[in-house]
Protein backbone atom coordinates (compact mmCIF):
# COMPACT_ATOMS: atom_id res chain seq x y z
CA MET A 1 0.00 0.00 0.00
CA SER A 2 1.60 3.23 -1.06
CA THR A 3 0.54 6.69 -0.04
CA SER A 4 0.45 9.54 -2.45
CA SER A 5 0.54 13.25 -1.74
CA THR A 6 -3.26 13.38 -2.18
CA ASP A 7 -3.75 10.87 0.65
CA ASN A 8 -2.15 13.25 3.14
CA ASP A 9 -4.26 16.38 2.92
CA GLY A 10 -3.43 17.60 6.43
CA GLN A 11 -6.32 16.04 8.26
CA GLY A 12 -5.39 14.81 11.69
CA MET A 13 -2.40 17.12 11.88
CA ILE A 14 -2.00 19.78 14.55
CA VAL A 15 -1.82 23.22 13.04
CA ASN A 16 -0.80 26.24 15.09
CA PRO A 17 -1.33 29.29 12.94
CA LYS A 18 0.96 32.20 13.53
CA PRO A 19 0.18 35.79 12.72
CA THR A 20 1.54 36.96 9.42
CA ALA A 21 2.58 40.43 8.41
CA ASP A 22 -0.86 41.09 6.95
CA ASN A 23 -2.71 39.62 9.96
CA GLN A 24 -1.07 41.12 13.06
CA ASP A 25 -4.33 41.25 15.00
CA TRP A 26 -4.87 37.48 14.98
CA ASP A 27 -6.31 36.55 18.35
CA GLY A 28 -6.87 32.82 18.08
CA ASP A 29 -10.25 31.20 18.08
CA GLU A 30 -13.09 31.23 20.59
CA ALA A 31 -11.47 28.48 22.68
CA ASP A 32 -8.20 30.44 22.92
CA ARG A 33 -10.05 33.54 24.08
CA ALA A 34 -12.08 31.51 26.60
CA ASP A 35 -8.88 29.94 27.97
CA ARG A 36 -7.27 33.38 28.41
CA LEU A 37 -10.38 34.73 30.13
CA ARG A 38 -10.55 31.76 32.50
CA PHE A 39 -6.84 32.09 33.28
CA GLU A 40 -7.19 35.82 34.01
CA GLU A 41 -10.15 35.15 36.32
CA GLU A 42 -8.22 32.44 38.17
CA GLN A 43 -5.22 34.76 38.59
CA ALA A 44 -7.48 37.51 39.97
CA MET A 45 -9.03 35.06 42.45
CA ILE A 46 -5.58 33.87 43.57
CA ARG A 47 -4.46 37.50 44.08
CA GLU A 48 -7.60 38.28 46.10
CA GLN A 49 -7.10 35.23 48.31
CA SER A 50 -3.45 36.08 48.82
CA GLU A 51 -4.27 39.67 49.76
CA ALA A 52 -6.98 38.49 52.16
CA ARG A 53 -4.54 36.10 53.85
CA ALA A 54 -1.91 38.83 54.15
CA ALA A 55 -4.48 41.23 55.65
CA LYS A 56 -5.66 38.57 58.12
CA ALA A 57 -2.09 37.79 59.14
CA ALA A 58 -1.38 41.49 59.67
CA ALA A 59 -4.55 41.88 61.75
CA ASP A 60 -3.65 38.83 63.84
CA GLU A 61 -0.14 40.19 64.42
CA ALA A 62 -1.54 43.59 65.42
CA ALA A 63 -3.96 41.91 67.84
CA LYS A 64 -1.10 39.92 69.42
CA LYS A 65 0.94 43.10 69.93
CA ALA A 66 -2.06 44.93 71.40
CA THR A 67 -2.64 42.22 74.03
CA ALA A 68 1.04 41.86 74.91
């Protein structure tokens, strides 16, 4: 069984398009944009939790100093 160039038309291959000079505003597809949005939301939640922990730790430290 031999394969010819017409048998391999690119199906099943992973294609990662890159912006070209005439398409500098390429932003990926809907899934790429959804992934970026989800990642940004997760990062914001992590920052909020970190800030809340830091504020709680500072409040606890201040309370310890006040009672000492």
